[in-house]
Structure formats: structure tokens, C-alpha cells
Amino acid sequence: MDYIDYYKILGLSKNATEKEIKNAYRKLARKYHPDLNPNDKEAERKFKEVNEANEVLSDAENRKKYDQYGKDWKHAEQFEKAKQQHRQQRSYQGSGQPFGEGADYSDFFESMFGGAGRSRQGGQGIRFRGQDYHAELHLDLNEVYVTHKRTLTVNGNNIRITIPAGVTNGQEIKIRGHGGPGINGGPNGDLYIKFIINNHTTFKRDKQDLYTTVDLDLYTALLGGDVTIDTFDGKVKIKVKPETQNNTKVKLKGKGFPVYKKEGVYGDLYVTYNIKLPTSLTEKEKELFAELAKLR
């Protein structure tokens, strides 16, 4: 890429103020505007150059990058990252000088990557790895109970991924090569997907274990019996022991959540009983409870 001097295009020095940049842009934009220069290709070209220069120099952050890196200002982050890696490498080796602000960037990348740091087209472009993309994928808890496939659209491209059962909230996976495109033949970046798991069920999840509360009537709690409860994969009938106390917890082995990437392995389901006292008692029921109280 040839170096474009945006300051020269606007007729300014590097010390120009924001106001001077704005005034110069307005003046030149009017001068070369297509409406005032119909069918003038040269004026059209200059109008585009003026707009491009203004877009860079009117933005403080972009201007700072341009002042430091020139034609490679768009790759400032890659430069800084590579410089940091270079410093770390040199410090580990215990020799050499750190890469300074005044050094030649082309020489720097040549020293790091050798011939691989140059593009095949003309030998002047520096190869950069593409930018990593980060995305969130929101799923319901019942969706990650089973392994399934999902199609994602990233930068207009459809990506078919497999979501293993048992992924956890906040978990992140990496899909190689599906980030931003490489520059000058460099490798593509990677795509990082963070899972956000929304739980709209009655179950509380802790890794592979599930927790739930089941209401139990007083008579079943006292005398024992069977109760049918919901699990994540259907209903099951369990036996309640006589004289079960409130907040008693029982474990149903293997009725929890799938363990991530362990086919057929599940956590446990913990059931806490909540004993419900009867209400709206009849007179006869009150008499019976009174007699029971006397017996106790």
C-alpha cells in the first residue's frame, strides 16, 4: 500500500488543530464536490481523498494511530501485540534491545517472521493474523440437555456447529479460522463463542447436579407412600418413608444434568420435601386432630 499523506491532502501540518482540520475539510469538500464538478473524474478522486483524510484526522484515536504508524495505522493493534510478544521473547532470551518507538516496523516484522512476514505480491505487505471475533450465544437450559447442532451467521457466512450436552453458563469455546480474514495472506482469526444459559425451569443447576423442591401432603409424610415428581427427562415415582420430616432431602442418582463431553454420564437430582399442612379443616377433622394431640 502506498503511503497517503492525509495532512498534505488537506494542506495542513502535523500540528494542525481540530478546528483547522474541520475548516480545511469543509473548504476542500465544497471545492471538489461532485455537484459542482459534474463529470470531472479528477475532482471526484480528490473529493474521495479529502473525505478519507477527514475521517482519519478528525477522529482523535485514528489520528494518533496514523501519526505513529502511517500507512499501517489500521493495524496498530496488531503492531502493539507483536511488539509486546517481541519484548517478552527478547527478555526471556536475555539479549537484545527492546523494540523502540522509533524503530522501523518493516525491519521489526522481518526480524520476527523472516520471509514469511512478506506477502507474495510485491514483497512489501506484512502478513497479519485476522482479528478474533467474540460472540454470545443465548440458550435455554432445556436446549443444552441434549447434544444438538446450531447454525450461526458470522459476517454473512453460515457456520454449522455442534453444541455438546452439558455446556455451562459462561463457558467459552473456540472455532478456529472463523474470525476476521488475514491480511496479506496471513491466517484468519478465531471465533470465540460464550454460552449464556437461561434457566426457565423449576430446577436449580449446579454443574451436573440438579435441585428441586417437591410439595408433600401431611398424610403421605406421616404414613409414607408414593409420590410422582418431575425430572428433566420425564416423570418418576418415588417412595416416601413414613414419618418424613420437612426439608428432608433425597437423591435420585443419574437423574441430574449430562456431564459435558461424557456421553451417557449424568449428575444427580436432589429432591427436597416441603410438607404442606392442610387448611380449611372441617369440624370433624379438627376433632380428630385434637384426639391425636391428646394421644401424643
Protein backbone atom coordinates (compact mmCIF):
# COMPACT_ATOMS: atom_id res chain seq x y z
CA MET A 1 0.00 0.00 0.00
CA ASP A 2 1.39 3.42 -0.98
CA TYR A 3 1.70 5.98 1.77
CA ILE A 4 -1.03 8.62 1.67
CA ASP A 5 -0.23 11.87 3.43
CA TYR A 6 -3.61 12.97 4.78
CA TYR A 7 -2.17 16.19 6.16
CA LYS A 8 -0.85 17.11 2.72
CA ILE A 9 -4.22 16.35 1.13
CA LEU A 10 -5.87 18.86 3.47
CA GLY A 11 -2.99 21.33 3.12
CA LEU A 12 -2.13 21.15 6.81
CA SER A 13 0.87 20.45 9.04
CA LYS A 14 1.01 17.65 11.59
CA ASN A 15 0.42 20.20 14.34
CA ALA A 16 -2.96 21.25 12.95
CA THR A 17 -5.73 21.74 15.48
CA GLU A 18 -9.13 20.08 15.32
CA LYS A 19 -10.67 23.35 14.19
CA GLU A 20 -8.11 23.75 11.40
CA ILE A 21 -8.80 20.21 10.20
CA LYS A 22 -12.54 20.85 10.19
CA ASN A 23 -12.21 24.15 8.30
CA ALA A 24 -9.81 22.71 5.71
CA TYR A 25 -12.11 19.75 5.11
CA ARG A 26 -15.20 21.94 4.60
CA LYS A 27 -13.37 24.22 2.19
CA LEU A 28 -11.98 21.38 0.04
CA ALA A 29 -15.17 19.32 0.18
CA ARG A 30 -17.08 22.25 -1.29
CA LYS A 31 -14.38 22.82 -3.90
CA TYR A 32 -14.36 19.24 -5.20
CA HIS A 33 -17.99 18.31 -4.55
CA PRO A 34 -19.46 16.26 -7.48
CA ASP A 35 -22.47 18.57 -7.73
CA LEU A 36 -20.13 21.47 -8.53
CA ASN A 37 -17.88 19.37 -10.77
CA PRO A 38 -20.13 17.15 -12.89
CA ASN A 39 -18.33 14.51 -14.98
CA ASP A 40 -14.94 15.61 -13.61
CA LYS A 41 -13.08 12.41 -12.69
CA GLU A 42 -10.14 14.25 -11.15
CA ALA A 43 -12.42 16.30 -8.89
CA GLU A 44 -14.24 13.10 -7.92
CA ARG A 45 -10.92 11.47 -6.98
CA LYS A 46 -9.83 14.46 -4.90
CA PHE A 47 -13.24 14.59 -3.19
CA LYS A 48 -12.81 10.98 -2.09
CA GLU A 49 -9.28 11.67 -0.84
CA VAL A 50 -10.47 14.68 1.16
CA ASN A 51 -13.23 12.66 2.79
CA GLU A 52 -10.86 9.82 3.61
CA ALA A 53 -8.34 12.24 5.14
CA ASN A 54 -11.05 13.87 7.25
CA GLU A 55 -12.38 10.53 8.50
CA VAL A 56 -8.93 9.67 9.85
CA LEU A 57 -7.70 13.02 11.14
CA SER A 58 -10.99 14.20 12.68
CA ASP A 59 -11.04 11.14 14.94
CA ALA A 60 -8.57 11.59 17.79
CA GLU A 61 -7.84 7.89 18.22
CA ASN A 62 -7.41 7.24 14.50
CA ARG A 63 -5.22 10.31 14.13
CA LYS A 64 -2.96 9.09 16.93
CA LYS A 65 -2.57 5.72 15.21
CA TYR A 66 -1.95 7.38 11.84
CA ASP A 67 0.71 9.70 13.29
CA GLN A 68 2.53 6.72 14.78
CA TYR A 69 2.11 4.03 12.14
CA GLY A 70 1.49 5.92 8.90
CA LYS A 71 0.03 3.77 6.11
CA ASP A 72 -0.28 0.82 8.53
CA TRP A 73 -2.38 2.73 11.06
CA LYS A 74 -5.34 0.37 10.65
CA HIS A 75 -3.16 -2.45 12.01
CA ALA A 76 -1.98 -0.58 15.10
CA GLU A 77 -3.39 -3.19 17.48
CA GLN A 78 -1.57 -6.00 15.68
CA PHE A 79 1.65 -3.96 15.78
CA GLU A 80 1.32 -3.37 19.52
CA LYS A 81 0.54 -7.03 20.19
CA ALA A 82 3.50 -8.19 18.12
CA LYS A 83 5.78 -5.66 19.81
CA GLN A 84 4.72 -6.94 23.22
CA GLN A 85 5.36 -10.54 22.21
CA HIS A 86 8.73 -9.48 20.84
CA ARG A 87 9.69 -7.74 24.08
CA GLN A 88 8.72 -10.81 26.09
CA GLN A 89 10.69 -13.06 23.79
CA ARG A 90 13.79 -10.85 23.98
CA SER A 91 13.55 -10.60 27.76
CA TYR A 92 13.34 -14.37 28.02
CA GLN A 93 16.41 -14.68 25.81
CA GLY A 94 18.21 -12.10 27.91
CA SER A 95 19.71 -10.26 24.99
CA GLY A 96 18.99 -7.53 22.52
CA GLN A 97 17.30 -4.19 22.85
CA PRO A 98 13.53 -3.77 23.14
CA PHE A 99 11.72 -2.62 20.03
CA GLY A 100 11.56 1.14 20.40
CA GLU A 101 9.07 3.66 19.14
CA GLY A 102 11.50 5.00 16.57
CA ALA A 103 12.44 1.66 15.03
CA ASP A 104 11.45 0.60 11.54
CA TYR A 105 8.32 -1.54 11.67
CA SER A 106 9.10 -3.40 8.47
CA ASP A 107 12.54 -4.39 9.79
CA PHE A 108 10.94 -5.40 13.07
CA PHE A 109 8.48 -7.79 11.46
CA GLU A 110 11.16 -9.08 9.12
CA SER A 111 13.27 -9.97 12.17
CA MET A 112 10.33 -11.75 13.78
CA PHE A 113 8.90 -13.62 10.83
CA GLY A 114 11.65 -13.57 8.21
CA GLY A 115 10.49 -14.11 4.65
CA ALA A 116 7.12 -15.30 5.90
CA GLY A 117 6.42 -11.78 7.05
CA ARG A 118 6.23 -10.55 3.47
CA SER A 119 3.38 -11.02 1.07
CA ARG A 120 3.80 -12.81 -2.24
CA GLN A 121 2.50 -9.79 -4.09
CA GLY A 122 5.36 -7.39 -4.50
CA GLY A 123 7.11 -8.44 -1.28
CA GLN A 124 6.12 -5.28 0.61
CA GLY A 125 2.98 -6.13 2.63
CA ILE A 126 3.23 -7.51 6.15
CA ARG A 127 1.14 -10.55 6.90
CA PHE A 128 -1.20 -10.19 9.84
CA ARG A 129 -3.35 -12.75 11.54
CA GLY A 130 -7.02 -11.82 11.32
CA GLN A 131 -8.90 -10.37 14.25
CA ASP A 132 -10.51 -12.76 16.74
CA TYR A 133 -14.28 -12.50 16.96
CA HIS A 134 -16.20 -12.84 20.22
CA ALA A 135 -19.90 -13.64 20.33
CA GLU A 136 -22.52 -14.71 22.86
CA LEU A 137 -24.99 -17.50 22.20
CA HIS A 138 -28.07 -17.48 24.41
CA LEU A 139 -29.68 -20.85 25.04
CA ASP A 140 -32.33 -22.22 27.37
CA LEU A 141 -31.33 -24.86 29.91
CA ASN A 142 -33.50 -27.48 28.25
CA GLU A 143 -31.68 -26.87 24.95
CA VAL A 144 -28.32 -27.93 26.37
CA TYR A 145 -29.71 -31.09 27.95
CA VAL A 146 -29.04 -32.86 24.66
CA THR A 147 -26.29 -32.51 22.06
CA HIS A 148 -27.58 -30.59 19.07
CA LYS A 149 -26.43 -28.60 16.06
CA ARG A 150 -26.92 -24.90 15.52
CA THR A 151 -26.28 -22.66 12.51
CA LEU A 152 -24.69 -19.29 13.27
CA THR A 153 -24.29 -16.39 10.87
CA VAL A 154 -20.96 -14.59 11.23
CA ASN A 155 -20.13 -11.76 8.81
CA GLY A 156 -22.65 -13.11 6.33
CA ASN A 157 -21.28 -16.66 6.49
CA ASN A 158 -23.26 -19.56 7.94
CA ILE A 159 -21.33 -21.74 10.37
CA ARG A 160 -22.72 -25.09 11.47
CA ILE A 161 -21.55 -26.02 14.96
CA THR A 162 -22.27 -28.88 17.35
CA ILE A 163 -23.22 -27.88 20.89
CA PRO A 164 -22.41 -30.75 23.27
CA ALA A 165 -24.88 -31.55 26.01
CA GLY A 166 -23.92 -30.20 29.41
CA VAL A 167 -22.32 -26.88 28.45
CA THR A 168 -22.35 -24.48 31.37
CA ASN A 169 -23.27 -20.83 31.72
CA GLY A 170 -20.31 -18.62 30.81
CA GLN A 171 -18.40 -21.45 29.12
CA GLU A 172 -16.47 -20.41 26.02
CA ILE A 173 -15.46 -22.49 23.01
CA LYS A 174 -13.10 -21.62 20.17
CA ILE A 175 -13.77 -22.27 16.48
CA ARG A 176 -10.53 -21.97 14.59
CA GLY A 177 -10.30 -19.91 11.44
CA HIS A 178 -13.76 -18.35 11.64
CA GLY A 179 -12.66 -14.93 12.87
CA GLY A 180 -11.62 -11.97 10.77
CA PRO A 181 -9.77 -12.56 7.48
CA GLY A 182 -6.00 -12.47 7.49
CA ILE A 183 -4.18 -9.55 5.90
CA ASN A 184 -1.72 -10.02 3.04
CA GLY A 185 -2.12 -13.79 3.17
CA GLY A 186 -1.99 -14.08 6.95
CA PRO A 187 -4.14 -16.68 8.76
CA ASN A 188 -7.73 -15.98 9.73
CA GLY A 189 -8.54 -15.19 13.32
CA ASP A 190 -10.63 -17.45 15.54
CA LEU A 191 -14.23 -17.24 16.68
CA TYR A 192 -14.88 -17.43 20.43
CA ILE A 193 -18.44 -18.26 21.47
CA LYS A 194 -19.55 -17.68 25.05
CA PHE A 195 -22.66 -19.56 26.15
CA ILE A 196 -25.28 -17.75 28.18
CA ILE A 197 -27.65 -20.35 29.65
CA ASN A 198 -31.07 -19.08 30.71
CA ASN A 199 -32.92 -21.24 33.20
CA HIS A 200 -36.71 -21.05 32.99
CA THR A 201 -37.28 -24.40 34.68
CA THR A 202 -38.14 -25.30 38.27
CA PHE A 203 -34.73 -26.93 38.65
CA LYS A 204 -31.62 -25.27 40.06
CA ARG A 205 -28.42 -26.39 38.35
CA ASP A 206 -25.01 -26.74 39.95
CA LYS A 207 -22.65 -28.12 37.29
CA GLN A 208 -24.02 -31.59 36.56
CA ASP A 209 -26.35 -31.80 39.59
CA LEU A 210 -29.94 -30.59 39.73
CA TYR A 211 -32.00 -29.47 42.71
CA THR A 212 -35.75 -29.20 43.07
CA THR A 213 -38.41 -28.87 45.78
CA VAL A 214 -41.49 -31.09 45.90
CA ASP A 215 -44.61 -30.42 47.96
CA LEU A 216 -45.68 -33.35 50.15
CA ASP A 217 -49.03 -33.59 51.90
CA LEU A 218 -49.07 -34.19 55.64
CA TYR A 219 -50.63 -37.63 55.42
CA THR A 220 -48.08 -39.03 52.98
CA ALA A 221 -45.31 -37.54 55.10
CA LEU A 222 -46.70 -39.21 58.22
CA LEU A 223 -47.77 -42.56 56.82
CA GLY A 224 -45.47 -42.92 53.82
CA GLY A 225 -46.49 -43.71 50.26
CA ASP A 226 -45.69 -42.97 46.64
CA VAL A 227 -45.27 -39.58 45.01
CA THR A 228 -44.78 -38.76 41.33
CA ILE A 229 -42.28 -36.00 40.59
CA ASP A 230 -40.90 -34.28 37.50
CA THR A 231 -37.33 -34.88 36.38
CA PHE A 232 -35.59 -33.33 33.41
CA ASP A 233 -36.38 -36.30 31.18
CA GLY A 234 -39.87 -37.15 32.41
CA LYS A 235 -41.85 -38.17 35.47
CA VAL A 236 -40.75 -40.79 38.00
CA LYS A 237 -42.47 -42.36 41.00
CA ILE A 238 -40.55 -42.49 44.26
CA LYS A 239 -41.37 -43.96 47.66
CA VAL A 240 -41.74 -41.69 50.66
CA LYS A 241 -40.74 -43.17 54.01
CA PRO A 242 -43.21 -42.92 56.92
CA GLU A 243 -42.62 -40.00 59.31
CA THR A 244 -40.68 -37.98 56.72
CA GLN A 245 -39.70 -34.62 58.16
CA ASN A 246 -39.98 -31.24 56.48
CA ASN A 247 -36.92 -30.29 54.36
CA THR A 248 -35.85 -33.91 54.07
CA LYS A 249 -33.55 -34.28 51.04
CA VAL A 250 -33.35 -37.41 48.88
CA LYS A 251 -31.00 -38.15 45.98
CA LEU A 252 -32.05 -39.67 42.67
CA LYS A 253 -28.83 -40.99 41.18
CA GLY A 254 -28.27 -40.32 37.49
CA LYS A 255 -31.30 -38.04 37.16
CA GLY A 256 -29.29 -34.83 37.02
CA PHE A 257 -27.73 -33.00 34.07
CA PRO A 258 -25.44 -34.50 31.42
CA VAL A 259 -21.72 -34.24 32.12
CA TYR A 260 -20.01 -32.16 29.41
CA LYS A 261 -18.49 -34.34 26.67
CA LYS A 262 -19.07 -37.56 28.63
CA GLU A 263 -21.71 -39.42 26.66
CA GLY A 264 -24.26 -41.19 28.88
CA VAL A 265 -22.89 -39.79 32.15
CA TYR A 266 -25.28 -37.72 34.27
CA GLY A 267 -25.22 -35.97 37.59
CA ASP A 268 -27.77 -36.50 40.35
CA LEU A 269 -31.12 -34.94 41.18
CA TYR A 270 -31.62 -33.78 44.76
CA VAL A 271 -35.24 -33.51 45.91
CA THR A 272 -36.20 -31.52 49.00
CA TYR A 273 -39.60 -32.23 50.50
CA ASN A 274 -41.78 -29.31 51.53
CA ILE A 275 -44.56 -30.61 53.75
CA LYS A 276 -47.84 -28.76 53.22
CA LEU A 277 -50.17 -28.53 56.21
CA PRO A 278 -53.88 -28.98 55.49
CA THR A 279 -56.10 -25.89 55.56
CA SER A 280 -59.86 -25.26 55.74
CA LEU A 281 -60.33 -28.13 58.21
CA THR A 282 -63.82 -29.42 58.87
CA GLU A 283 -65.15 -29.74 62.44
CA LYS A 284 -64.69 -33.49 62.27
CA GLU A 285 -61.07 -33.13 61.15
CA LYS A 286 -60.41 -30.70 63.97
CA GLU A 287 -61.86 -33.20 66.47
CA LEU A 288 -59.64 -35.96 65.11
CA PHE A 289 -56.54 -33.80 65.30
CA ALA A 290 -57.48 -32.86 68.86
CA GLU A 291 -57.79 -36.53 69.80
CA LEU A 292 -54.42 -37.20 68.13
CA ALA A 293 -52.90 -34.37 70.15
CA LYS A 294 -54.20 -35.94 73.38
CA LEU A 295 -52.69 -39.28 72.41
CA ARG A 296 -49.30 -37.63 71.85
